Protein backbone atom coordinates (compact mmCIF):
# COMPACT_ATOMS: atom_id res chain seq x y z
CA UNK A 1 55.85 -14.20 -6.15
CA UNK A 2 55.76 -10.49 -6.72
CA UNK A 3 58.64 -9.55 -8.98
CA UNK A 4 59.56 -7.37 -11.95
CA UNK A 5 58.68 -9.12 -15.33
CA UNK A 6 61.18 -8.35 -18.45
CA UNK A 7 61.00 -9.47 -21.92
CA UNK A 8 58.15 -9.71 -24.09
CA UNK A 9 55.71 -10.67 -21.27
CA UNK A 10 56.99 -7.73 -19.29
CA UNK A 11 56.07 -5.41 -22.21
CA UNK A 12 52.52 -6.78 -22.52
CA UNK A 13 52.14 -6.60 -18.95
CA UNK A 14 53.21 -3.01 -19.01
CA UNK A 15 50.73 -2.38 -21.83
CA UNK A 16 47.84 -3.78 -19.84
CA UNK A 17 48.64 -1.49 -17.01
CA UNK A 18 48.84 1.66 -19.35
CA UNK A 19 45.59 0.44 -20.80
CA UNK A 20 43.87 0.25 -17.16
CA UNK A 21 45.34 3.81 -16.46
CA UNK A 22 44.10 5.21 -19.51
CA UNK A 23 40.64 3.94 -18.83
CA UNK A 24 40.58 5.18 -15.25
CA UNK A 25 41.78 8.67 -16.46
CA UNK A 26 39.32 8.95 -19.29
CA UNK A 27 36.35 7.58 -17.00
CA UNK A 28 37.64 10.34 -14.13
CA UNK A 29 37.62 13.21 -16.79
CA UNK A 30 33.72 12.70 -17.65
CA UNK A 31 30.92 14.35 -15.84
CA UNK A 32 28.47 11.32 -16.40
CA UNK A 33 25.55 13.18 -14.60
CA UNK A 34 26.25 16.03 -17.19
CA UNK A 35 25.93 13.96 -20.32
CA UNK A 36 23.06 14.30 -22.68
CA UNK A 37 20.77 11.37 -23.41
CA UNK A 38 22.72 10.41 -26.58
CA UNK A 39 26.02 10.99 -25.02
CA UNK A 40 25.07 8.70 -22.16
CA UNK A 41 24.09 5.96 -24.33
CA UNK A 42 27.18 6.05 -26.15
CA UNK A 43 29.24 5.97 -23.27
CA UNK A 44 27.25 3.12 -21.81
CA UNK A 45 27.83 0.96 -24.93
CA UNK A 46 31.37 1.92 -25.14
CA UNK A 47 32.11 1.01 -21.57
CA UNK A 48 30.47 -2.49 -22.02
CA UNK A 49 32.69 -2.97 -25.19
CA UNK A 50 36.00 -1.95 -23.34
CA UNK A 51 34.88 -4.19 -20.32
CA UNK A 52 34.52 -7.49 -22.24
CA UNK A 53 38.10 -8.23 -23.16
CA UNK A 54 38.83 -7.74 -19.41
CA UNK A 55 35.95 -10.00 -18.44
CA UNK A 56 37.15 -12.61 -20.77
CA UNK A 57 40.65 -12.34 -19.42
CA UNK A 58 39.28 -12.74 -15.91
CA UNK A 59 37.85 -15.83 -16.79
CA UNK A 60 40.93 -17.25 -18.76
CA UNK A 61 43.19 -16.55 -16.07
CA UNK A 62 41.06 -17.80 -13.45
CA UNK A 63 40.62 -21.14 -15.27
CA UNK A 64 44.26 -21.93 -15.84
CA UNK A 65 45.21 -20.76 -12.27
CA UNK A 66 42.49 -23.16 -11.07
CA UNK A 67 43.74 -25.92 -12.96
CA UNK A 68 47.29 -25.46 -11.74
CA UNK A 69 46.12 -25.11 -8.18
CA UNK A 70 44.28 -28.29 -7.70
CA UNK A 71 45.36 -30.14 -4.59
CA UNK A 72 45.68 -33.40 -6.66
CA UNK A 73 48.82 -32.11 -8.28
CA UNK A 74 50.24 -32.27 -4.76
CA UNK A 75 53.64 -30.29 -4.19
CA UNK A 76 53.36 -29.43 -7.93
CA UNK A 77 49.85 -27.52 -7.20
CA UNK A 78 50.24 -23.75 -7.57
CA UNK A 79 48.14 -23.52 -4.25
CA UNK A 80 50.64 -25.61 -2.49
CA UNK A 81 53.70 -23.56 -3.68
CA UNK A 82 52.02 -20.16 -2.62
CA UNK A 83 50.67 -21.36 0.70
CA UNK A 84 46.96 -21.34 0.02
CA UNK A 85 44.70 -24.11 1.37
CA UNK A 86 43.05 -25.05 -2.07
CA UNK A 87 42.47 -23.57 -5.47
CA UNK A 88 39.73 -21.43 -4.64
CA UNK A 89 41.34 -19.90 -1.70
CA UNK A 90 44.43 -18.79 -3.85
CA UNK A 91 42.04 -17.53 -6.58
CA UNK A 92 40.39 -15.31 -3.92
CA UNK A 93 43.57 -14.18 -2.52
CA UNK A 94 45.10 -13.11 -5.89
CA UNK A 95 41.96 -11.26 -7.01
CA UNK A 96 40.23 -10.13 -3.82
CA UNK A 97 37.01 -11.25 -5.24
CA UNK A 98 34.41 -13.76 -3.67
CA UNK A 99 34.78 -17.39 -3.86
CA UNK A 100 31.49 -17.51 -5.39
CA UNK A 101 32.48 -15.35 -8.08
CA UNK A 102 35.93 -17.37 -8.72
CA UNK A 103 33.79 -20.41 -9.19
CA UNK A 104 31.41 -18.80 -11.52
CA UNK A 105 34.28 -17.45 -13.63
CA UNK A 106 35.99 -21.19 -13.56
CA UNK A 107 32.50 -22.82 -14.38
CA UNK A 108 32.32 -20.95 -17.56
CA UNK A 109 36.27 -21.12 -18.52
CA UNK A 110 35.94 -24.86 -18.58
CA UNK A 111 33.43 -24.64 -21.37
CA UNK A 112 35.11 -22.05 -23.50
CA UNK A 113 38.75 -22.99 -22.97
CA UNK A 114 40.85 -25.21 -25.28
CA UNK A 115 41.13 -28.68 -23.68
CA UNK A 116 44.13 -31.07 -23.62
CA UNK A 117 43.66 -34.80 -23.96
CA UNK A 118 46.78 -37.10 -24.60
CA UNK A 119 48.93 -34.08 -25.42
CA UNK A 120 46.37 -33.05 -28.01
CA UNK A 121 44.81 -29.74 -27.92
CA UNK A 122 41.04 -29.89 -28.65
CA UNK A 123 38.63 -27.33 -29.41
CA UNK A 124 36.46 -25.95 -26.40
CA UNK A 125 33.37 -27.43 -25.47
CA UNK A 126 31.51 -24.47 -26.69
CA UNK A 127 33.65 -23.09 -29.82
CA UNK A 128 30.99 -20.72 -31.11
CA UNK A 129 30.53 -19.20 -27.47
CA UNK A 130 34.35 -18.88 -27.21
CA UNK A 131 34.75 -17.15 -30.53
CA UNK A 132 32.01 -14.66 -30.03
CA UNK A 133 33.63 -13.86 -26.49
CA UNK A 134 37.18 -13.42 -27.99
CA UNK A 135 35.70 -10.85 -30.77
CA UNK A 136 34.14 -8.91 -27.79
CA UNK A 137 30.50 -9.49 -29.38
CA UNK A 138 29.33 -11.49 -26.44
CA UNK A 139 29.17 -10.68 -22.59
CA UNK A 140 29.91 -13.00 -19.95
CA UNK A 141 26.08 -13.12 -18.75
CA UNK A 142 24.95 -14.13 -22.22
CA UNK A 143 27.76 -17.00 -22.50
CA UNK A 144 26.48 -18.19 -19.24
CA UNK A 145 22.92 -18.44 -20.21
CA UNK A 146 23.88 -20.12 -23.57
CA UNK A 147 26.30 -22.67 -21.63
CA UNK A 148 23.81 -23.48 -18.87
CA UNK A 149 20.87 -23.65 -21.40
CA UNK A 150 22.89 -26.70 -23.68
CA UNK A 151 24.95 -28.09 -21.13
CA UNK A 152 22.93 -31.09 -20.72
CA UNK A 153 23.60 -31.86 -24.33
CA UNK A 154 27.24 -30.97 -24.67
CA UNK A 155 28.57 -31.74 -21.47
CA UNK A 156 26.38 -34.42 -19.58
CA UNK A 157 25.06 -36.43 -22.29
CA UNK A 158 21.83 -36.88 -20.72
CA UNK A 159 19.75 -36.72 -24.01
CA UNK A 160 20.01 -38.45 -27.26
CA UNK A 161 20.37 -35.48 -29.22
CA UNK A 162 21.91 -35.00 -32.86
CA UNK A 163 25.51 -33.32 -32.18
CA UNK A 164 24.76 -31.40 -35.61
CA UNK A 165 21.52 -30.18 -34.09
CA UNK A 166 23.22 -28.97 -30.92
CA UNK A 167 25.94 -27.06 -32.78
CA UNK A 168 22.96 -25.34 -34.63
CA UNK A 169 21.41 -24.65 -31.20
CA UNK A 170 24.89 -23.04 -29.89
CA UNK A 171 25.21 -20.85 -33.31
CA UNK A 172 21.61 -19.84 -33.15
CA UNK A 173 21.84 -18.62 -29.63
CA UNK A 174 25.16 -16.98 -30.02
CA UNK A 175 23.43 -14.99 -33.32
CA UNK A 176 20.52 -13.93 -31.04
CA UNK A 177 23.06 -12.61 -28.34
CA UNK A 178 25.23 -10.66 -30.89
CA UNK A 179 23.16 -10.19 -33.95
CA UNK A 180 26.14 -11.81 -35.96
CA UNK A 181 26.32 -14.99 -37.58
CA UNK A 182 29.03 -17.51 -36.02
CA UNK A 183 29.88 -21.06 -36.67
CA UNK A 184 27.67 -21.56 -39.60
CA UNK A 185 28.15 -24.79 -41.07
CA UNK A 186 25.20 -25.57 -43.12
CA UNK A 187 23.89 -23.60 -46.37
CA UNK A 188 20.68 -21.91 -46.35
CA UNK A 189 17.82 -24.10 -46.79
CA UNK A 190 19.54 -27.27 -45.42
CA UNK A 191 18.54 -26.78 -41.90
CA UNK A 192 16.83 -30.06 -40.79
CA UNK A 193 13.37 -30.38 -38.91
CA UNK A 194 15.03 -29.44 -35.54
CA UNK A 195 16.89 -26.48 -36.59
CA UNK A 196 13.92 -24.95 -38.51
CA UNK A 197 11.56 -25.62 -35.51
CA UNK A 198 13.81 -24.01 -32.81
CA UNK A 199 14.86 -21.02 -34.95
CA UNK A 200 11.17 -19.67 -35.20
CA UNK A 201 9.92 -16.87 -33.03
CA UNK A 202 12.54 -14.53 -31.54
CA UNK A 203 15.42 -16.57 -32.97
CA UNK A 204 16.55 -15.37 -36.11
CA UNK A 205 17.54 -18.08 -38.85
CA UNK A 206 21.10 -18.65 -39.45
CA UNK A 207 22.49 -16.80 -42.36
CA UNK A 208 19.89 -14.35 -42.15
CA UNK A 209 20.63 -12.25 -39.30
CA UNK A 210 18.94 -8.83 -38.96
CA UNK A 211 21.60 -7.29 -36.48
CA UNK A 212 19.42 -7.26 -33.57
CA UNK A 213 21.03 -8.53 -30.31
CA UNK A 214 18.80 -9.99 -27.54
CA UNK A 215 19.78 -9.32 -23.87
CA UNK A 216 21.06 -12.05 -21.55
CA UNK A 217 17.72 -12.43 -19.78
CA UNK A 218 15.80 -13.29 -23.12
CA UNK A 219 18.25 -16.01 -23.73
CA UNK A 220 17.13 -18.16 -20.81
CA UNK A 221 13.64 -18.63 -22.64
CA UNK A 222 15.37 -19.33 -26.13
CA UNK A 223 17.27 -21.82 -24.39
CA UNK A 224 14.32 -23.62 -23.18
CA UNK A 225 12.82 -23.29 -26.84
CA UNK A 226 16.00 -25.07 -28.11
CA UNK A 227 16.05 -27.74 -25.52
CA UNK A 228 12.34 -28.61 -26.51
CA UNK A 229 13.49 -28.87 -30.11
CA UNK A 230 16.41 -31.17 -29.25
CA UNK A 231 14.50 -33.33 -26.79
CA UNK A 232 11.20 -33.73 -28.89
CA UNK A 233 10.23 -36.80 -26.81
CA UNK A 234 9.64 -34.13 -23.84
CA UNK A 235 10.27 -34.57 -20.43
CA UNK A 236 8.94 -37.79 -20.00
CA UNK A 237 12.03 -40.20 -19.85
CA UNK A 238 13.52 -37.51 -17.12
CA UNK A 239 10.32 -36.66 -15.24
CA UNK A 240 11.30 -38.97 -12.39
CA UNK A 241 14.84 -37.72 -12.04
CA UNK A 242 13.66 -33.91 -12.33
CA UNK A 243 10.65 -34.69 -9.82
CA UNK A 244 13.29 -36.09 -7.38
CA UNK A 245 15.09 -32.94 -7.25
CA UNK A 246 12.32 -30.62 -6.49
CA UNK A 247 13.08 -29.41 -2.94
CA UNK A 248 12.27 -26.84 -0.60
CA UNK A 249 13.92 -25.52 2.70
CA UNK A 250 15.10 -22.41 4.78
CA UNK A 251 18.35 -20.95 4.61
CA UNK A 252 19.93 -18.97 7.75
CA UNK A 253 18.28 -15.93 8.91
CA UNK A 254 19.93 -12.88 7.28
CA UNK A 255 18.42 -8.99 7.85
CA UNK A 256 15.68 -10.35 9.65
CA UNK A 257 14.45 -12.77 6.87
CA UNK A 258 14.87 -16.53 6.28
CA UNK A 259 15.49 -16.94 2.44
CA UNK A 260 13.91 -19.72 0.64
CA UNK A 261 15.76 -22.44 -0.97
CA UNK A 262 14.63 -24.91 -3.48
CA UNK A 263 13.23 -25.45 -6.76
CA UNK A 264 9.77 -26.68 -8.31
CA UNK A 265 8.74 -28.69 -11.46
CA UNK A 266 7.08 -26.75 -14.55
CA UNK A 267 3.71 -28.16 -13.44
CA UNK A 268 4.05 -27.02 -9.88
CA UNK A 269 5.22 -23.68 -10.94
CA UNK A 270 2.11 -23.33 -13.06
CA UNK A 271 -0.09 -24.00 -10.24
CA UNK A 272 1.65 -21.66 -7.88
CA UNK A 273 2.01 -18.80 -10.56
CA UNK A 274 -1.81 -19.22 -11.46
CA UNK A 275 -2.80 -18.74 -7.82
CA UNK A 276 -0.69 -15.59 -7.51
CA UNK A 277 -1.83 -14.28 -10.93
CA UNK A 278 -5.62 -14.93 -10.01
CA UNK A 279 -5.61 -12.88 -6.48
CA UNK A 280 -3.23 -10.21 -7.71
CA UNK A 281 -5.46 -9.53 -11.13
CA UNK A 282 -8.49 -9.03 -8.76
CA UNK A 283 -6.50 -5.91 -7.08
CA UNK A 284 -5.23 -4.58 -10.59
CA UNK A 285 -8.12 -5.27 -12.87
CA UNK A 286 -9.77 -1.90 -13.98
CA UNK A 287 -13.21 -1.19 -12.61
CA UNK A 288 -15.66 1.53 -13.10
CA UNK A 289 -18.26 2.88 -10.41
CA UNK A 290 -21.68 1.97 -10.77
CA UNK A 291 -24.34 4.60 -10.67
CA UNK A 292 -25.06 4.52 -7.05
CA UNK A 293 -21.43 4.30 -6.27
CA UNK A 294 -21.02 7.41 -8.51
CA UNK A 295 -23.51 9.33 -6.23
CA UNK A 296 -21.86 8.13 -3.01
CA UNK A 297 -18.53 9.42 -4.48
CA UNK A 298 -20.21 12.80 -5.31
CA UNK A 299 -21.82 12.95 -2.17
CA UNK A 300 -18.63 12.30 -0.27
CA UNK A 301 -19.56 8.90 1.44
CA UNK A 302 -16.96 6.88 -0.79
CA UNK A 303 -13.38 7.18 -1.81
CA UNK A 304 -13.23 6.83 -5.52
CA UNK A 305 -10.69 4.69 -7.29
CA UNK A 306 -8.58 1.88 -5.89
CA UNK A 307 -6.49 2.36 -2.92
CA UNK A 308 -2.66 2.72 -3.41
CA UNK A 309 -0.87 -0.44 -2.37
CA UNK A 310 2.86 0.17 -1.89
CA UNK A 311 3.54 -3.36 -1.57
CA UNK A 312 5.89 -4.82 -4.36
CA UNK A 313 4.96 -7.85 -6.43
CA UNK A 314 7.03 -9.95 -4.29
CA UNK A 315 5.43 -8.65 -1.03
CA UNK A 316 2.01 -9.40 -2.35
CA UNK A 317 3.00 -12.97 -3.34
CA UNK A 318 4.28 -13.50 -0.04
CA UNK A 319 0.85 -12.28 1.50
CA UNK A 320 -1.02 -14.38 -0.77
CA UNK A 321 1.05 -17.31 0.26
CA UNK A 322 0.65 -16.51 3.72
CA UNK A 323 -3.35 -16.58 3.42
CA UNK A 324 -3.17 -19.90 1.50
CA UNK A 325 -0.91 -21.44 4.12
CA UNK A 326 -3.43 -19.93 7.05
CA UNK A 327 -6.36 -21.35 5.48
CA UNK A 328 -4.87 -24.84 5.02
CA UNK A 329 -3.77 -24.78 8.82
CA UNK A 330 -7.22 -23.74 9.94
CA UNK A 331 -9.08 -26.37 7.64
CA UNK A 332 -10.32 -29.28 9.92
CA UNK A 333 -9.15 -31.53 7.54
CA UNK A 334 -5.60 -30.89 8.02
CA UNK A 335 -3.85 -33.54 9.98
CA UNK A 336 -3.13 -32.93 13.54
CA UNK A 337 -0.10 -32.84 15.71
CA UNK A 338 -0.29 -34.74 18.83
CA UNK A 339 -4.01 -34.12 18.78
CA UNK A 340 -3.82 -30.48 18.00
CA UNK A 341 -4.27 -28.52 14.74
CA UNK A 342 -1.28 -26.97 13.28
CA UNK A 343 -0.60 -24.08 15.98
CA UNK A 344 2.18 -21.58 16.08
CA UNK A 345 3.33 -21.71 19.81
CA UNK A 346 4.56 -17.95 20.81
CA UNK A 347 6.32 -17.53 23.95
CA UNK A 348 6.14 -14.25 25.80
CA UNK A 349 6.61 -12.79 29.22
CA UNK A 350 3.07 -11.79 30.58
CA UNK A 351 4.76 -8.68 32.07
CA UNK A 352 6.27 -7.73 28.36
CA UNK A 353 3.02 -8.27 26.89
CA UNK A 354 1.04 -6.04 28.87
CA UNK A 355 3.82 -3.31 28.87
CA UNK A 356 3.99 -3.55 25.04
CA UNK A 357 7.79 -4.01 24.91
CA UNK A 358 10.19 -6.99 24.64
CA UNK A 359 10.26 -9.79 22.11
CA UNK A 360 8.98 -13.18 21.92
CA UNK A 361 9.92 -16.74 20.67
CA UNK A 362 8.44 -19.38 18.19
CA UNK A 363 9.17 -22.93 19.03
CA UNK A 364 11.76 -24.07 16.56
CA UNK A 365 12.70 -20.62 15.15
CA UNK A 366 15.76 -18.82 15.97
CA UNK A 367 14.80 -14.99 15.36
CA UNK A 368 12.84 -13.43 17.93
CA UNK A 369 9.52 -11.75 17.01
CA UNK A 370 8.46 -8.15 17.64
CA UNK A 371 5.88 -7.24 20.21
CA UNK A 372 3.55 -5.73 17.14
CA UNK A 373 3.63 -9.08 15.43
CA UNK A 374 2.93 -11.00 18.80
CA UNK A 375 -0.09 -8.60 19.25
CA UNK A 376 -1.21 -9.05 15.97
CA UNK A 377 -1.01 -12.99 16.43
CA UNK A 378 -2.50 -12.77 19.88
CA UNK A 379 -5.24 -10.74 18.38
CA UNK A 380 -6.24 -13.41 15.80
CA UNK A 381 -5.60 -16.46 17.74
CA UNK A 382 -5.79 -15.68 21.43
CA UNK A 383 -3.75 -16.33 24.40
CA UNK A 384 -3.20 -19.22 26.94
CA UNK A 385 -1.48 -18.08 30.34
CA UNK A 386 0.70 -20.36 31.83
CA UNK A 387 1.31 -20.07 35.48
CA UNK A 388 4.94 -20.85 37.25
CA UNK A 389 5.88 -21.23 40.71
CA UNK A 390 8.95 -19.54 42.07
CA UNK A 391 11.07 -22.48 41.07
CA UNK A 392 10.03 -22.45 37.56
CA UNK A 393 7.65 -25.25 37.86
CA UNK A 394 4.21 -25.21 36.03
CA UNK A 395 1.42 -24.48 38.39
CA UNK A 396 -1.52 -24.11 35.95
CA UNK A 397 -2.79 -23.46 32.68
CA UNK A 398 -5.35 -20.82 32.30
CA UNK A 399 -8.27 -20.75 30.00
CA UNK A 400 -7.76 -19.27 26.32
CA UNK A 401 -8.35 -15.54 26.52
CA UNK A 402 -8.52 -12.80 23.75
CA UNK A 403 -9.83 -14.70 21.01
CA UNK A 404 -12.96 -14.49 19.14
CA UNK A 405 -14.74 -17.94 19.23
CA UNK A 406 -15.66 -19.62 15.83
CA UNK A 407 -19.30 -18.51 16.06
CA UNK A 408 -18.11 -14.73 16.33
CA UNK A 409 -15.96 -15.16 13.57
CA UNK A 410 -18.86 -16.20 11.42
CA UNK A 411 -21.24 -13.34 12.43
CA UNK A 412 -18.33 -10.67 11.80
CA UNK A 413 -17.60 -12.67 8.59
CA UNK A 414 -21.38 -12.41 7.63
CA UNK A 415 -21.19 -8.62 8.42
CA UNK A 416 -17.84 -7.71 6.66
CA UNK A 417 -17.25 -10.10 3.98
CA UNK A 418 -13.63 -9.77 3.84
CA UNK A 419 -10.92 -7.21 4.61
CA UNK A 420 -12.95 -3.98 5.36
CA UNK A 421 -10.12 -1.63 3.92
CA UNK A 422 -11.45 -0.05 0.89
CA UNK A 423 -9.95 -1.42 -2.21
CA UNK A 424 -8.58 -4.69 -0.47
CA UNK A 425 -10.02 -8.00 -2.29
CA UNK A 426 -8.72 -10.33 0.42
CA UNK A 427 -11.21 -13.01 0.67
CA UNK A 428 -12.67 -13.69 4.36
CA UNK A 429 -10.92 -16.95 4.71
CA UNK A 430 -7.51 -15.36 4.70
CA UNK A 431 -8.56 -12.58 7.25
CA UNK A 432 -7.63 -11.85 10.66
CA UNK A 433 -9.78 -10.36 13.42
CA UNK A 434 -8.87 -7.08 14.75
CA UNK A 435 -9.86 -5.63 18.12
CA UNK A 436 -11.02 -1.90 17.32
CA UNK A 437 -10.51 -0.92 20.90
CA UNK A 438 -7.39 -2.82 21.96
CA UNK A 439 -7.85 -5.56 24.35
CA UNK A 440 -4.93 -4.38 26.34
CA UNK A 441 -6.82 -1.13 26.64
CA UNK A 442 -10.20 -2.71 27.88
CA UNK A 443 -11.36 -3.67 24.52
CA UNK A 444 -14.07 -6.67 24.85
CA UNK A 445 -13.85 -9.65 22.70
CA UNK A 446 -17.21 -8.98 21.17
CA UNK A 447 -18.81 -8.87 17.64
CA UNK A 448 -19.22 -5.36 17.78
CA UNK A 449 -15.65 -4.81 18.57
CA UNK A 450 -14.06 -7.04 15.83
CA UNK A 451 -13.60 -6.41 12.10
CA UNK A 452 -12.00 -8.51 9.54
CA UNK A 453 -8.51 -7.27 8.28
CA UNK A 454 -6.12 -9.12 5.96
CA UNK A 455 -2.66 -9.71 7.38
CA UNK A 456 -1.07 -6.80 5.72
CA UNK A 457 -3.66 -3.92 6.71
CA UNK A 458 -3.94 -5.76 10.27
CA UNK A 459 -0.01 -5.59 10.68
CA UNK A 460 0.16 -2.06 9.36
CA UNK A 461 -3.08 -0.72 11.20
CA UNK A 462 -1.01 1.34 13.79
CA UNK A 463 1.39 2.98 11.30
CA UNK A 464 -0.53 3.24 7.79
CA UNK A 465 -3.09 6.22 8.80
CA UNK A 466 -6.34 4.11 8.58
CA UNK A 467 -8.52 4.56 11.49
CA UNK A 468 -11.42 2.20 12.49
CA UNK A 469 -14.58 2.86 14.54
CA UNK A 470 -17.61 1.10 15.33
CA UNK A 471 -20.86 2.78 15.27
CA UNK A 472 -24.21 0.97 16.38
CA UNK A 473 -22.29 -2.42 15.50
CA UNK A 474 -21.28 -1.60 12.18
CA UNK A 475 -17.73 -0.59 11.22
CA UNK A 476 -16.57 2.77 9.81
CA UNK A 477 -12.96 3.43 8.47
CA UNK A 478 -11.35 7.01 7.76
CA UNK A 479 -8.56 6.94 5.12
CA UNK A 480 -5.31 8.51 5.77
CA UNK A 481 -5.07 12.36 4.73
CA UNK A 482 -3.09 11.88 1.71
CA UNK A 483 -5.86 9.58 0.47
CA UNK A 484 -9.04 11.48 1.60
CA UNK A 485 -8.18 15.20 2.70
CA UNK A 486 -11.80 15.54 3.98
CA UNK A 487 -11.21 13.09 6.85
CA UNK A 488 -14.68 11.79 6.31
CA UNK A 489 -15.72 8.55 8.31
CA UNK A 490 -17.16 6.24 5.93
CA UNK A 491 -18.81 2.67 5.98
CA UNK A 492 -16.94 0.13 4.11
CA UNK A 493 -17.97 -2.46 1.76
CA UNK A 494 -20.23 -4.92 3.31
CA UNK A 495 -21.02 -8.60 2.36
CA UNK A 496 -22.51 -8.80 -0.85
CA UNK A 497 -25.12 -10.65 0.35
CA UNK A 498 -26.40 -7.15 2.04
CA UNK A 499 -25.64 -5.15 -1.26
CA UNK A 500 -29.03 -4.17 -2.43
CA UNK A 501 -27.70 -4.27 -6.13
CA UNK A 502 -27.24 -7.89 -5.79
CA UNK A 503 -30.59 -8.72 -3.96
CA UNK A 504 -33.09 -10.01 -6.40
CA UNK A 505 -36.69 -8.17 -5.67
CA UNK A 506 -39.54 -10.43 -4.31
CA UNK A 507 -41.63 -11.79 -7.10
CA UNK A 508 -44.95 -9.83 -7.32
CA UNK A 509 -46.56 -12.01 -10.13
């Protein structure tokens, strides 16, 4: 359907082509890196302003094409006429964009485009959002947050909300996003209780805009405020429905990681978030050294300050979750599977394990494990050899080896009290036992060759620069050179029961 267009439409198409060429030419002539701060800010705002009409045009055209290309139209379908399999296929071929992006545009377009009903043209579902988009005052991200936040009230009709209050919510959110008043239908002072309650806090009252525009991310929380005001009975009528939608699953492996999919209720998020905040705050809370610690710092026996943790917040939360799940798996009250506690079964060739090469496999998991991870798991959980005959038949099951016994773990925990890496506050129940002298190098599975390390410091012990040695049954650690240029071996923090500052002197009365 590629052809030259004439007439009025052809002229408008040519104008759009020239406008695109002008934008491209002007941007190509600007050295963005060479701009001063004020110029860079002005250019950023101007490019956003220039892009908004084009963004709206993309949404509008995608929505109309999607409607005309629906397979229900049969041979009148635009998709059928152009040889596409369905509407989304046609859109991706026309634009070169992804199917996900085209669906995103259409979802928004269906809410902001005029509607046809029996030959009559009706206003969009979200007329105030549509007006702000048409004026270039509202971006697509902000529009999507408003539409998603109020869709239950305007589209699905799930809640019994006053239509006037819903219109006020839309206008209030658009005003917060643009700093301008849109869709005002009530005189100042006539707002009802719902409007007054929802327009407090960060949402400016209608008719009294201060010109401040909130970013799209902030609108998500504002929409939640409006939802609470529009549904004063709370979530109780819908709690069972929402609870049933709570879900959790794994996606397919990508870049070595399994993505997590699903959603949780507010109550469950509160529990999870509180756990994360509790354990993360223990690492970030400011702490001043005691008099004794200050003396040890001045004597070079103690590294001052917290050790730099290069993990991101997400990585820390993942390690916290790993520790929680590991503790649950090891709890004797946890249900067994076939008479055995929850145990991760890793299969690896004995030759590969001894040589330190190759990979291993976990039952039910597609992705392989590196030998580094396998050694860490064996260090903490032990190994049970299986002997095969020449025809592949199992001949015998060997005894568990390279595994610290429960009594040994208790003794090591009593000595170390947690991860021995200075600055790490991982509790002992989340730690793993590390062979100071590696087992494959002849290291024994004895108390004086085992130390407690959290999963992260255990996993990075061979690459982080930290060194560990045992002296008379007591561990000593040496920090990487960039932390402690003196390279001094130091005794880590021991269990608080052995700290003289926490022991009460005997009663001499």
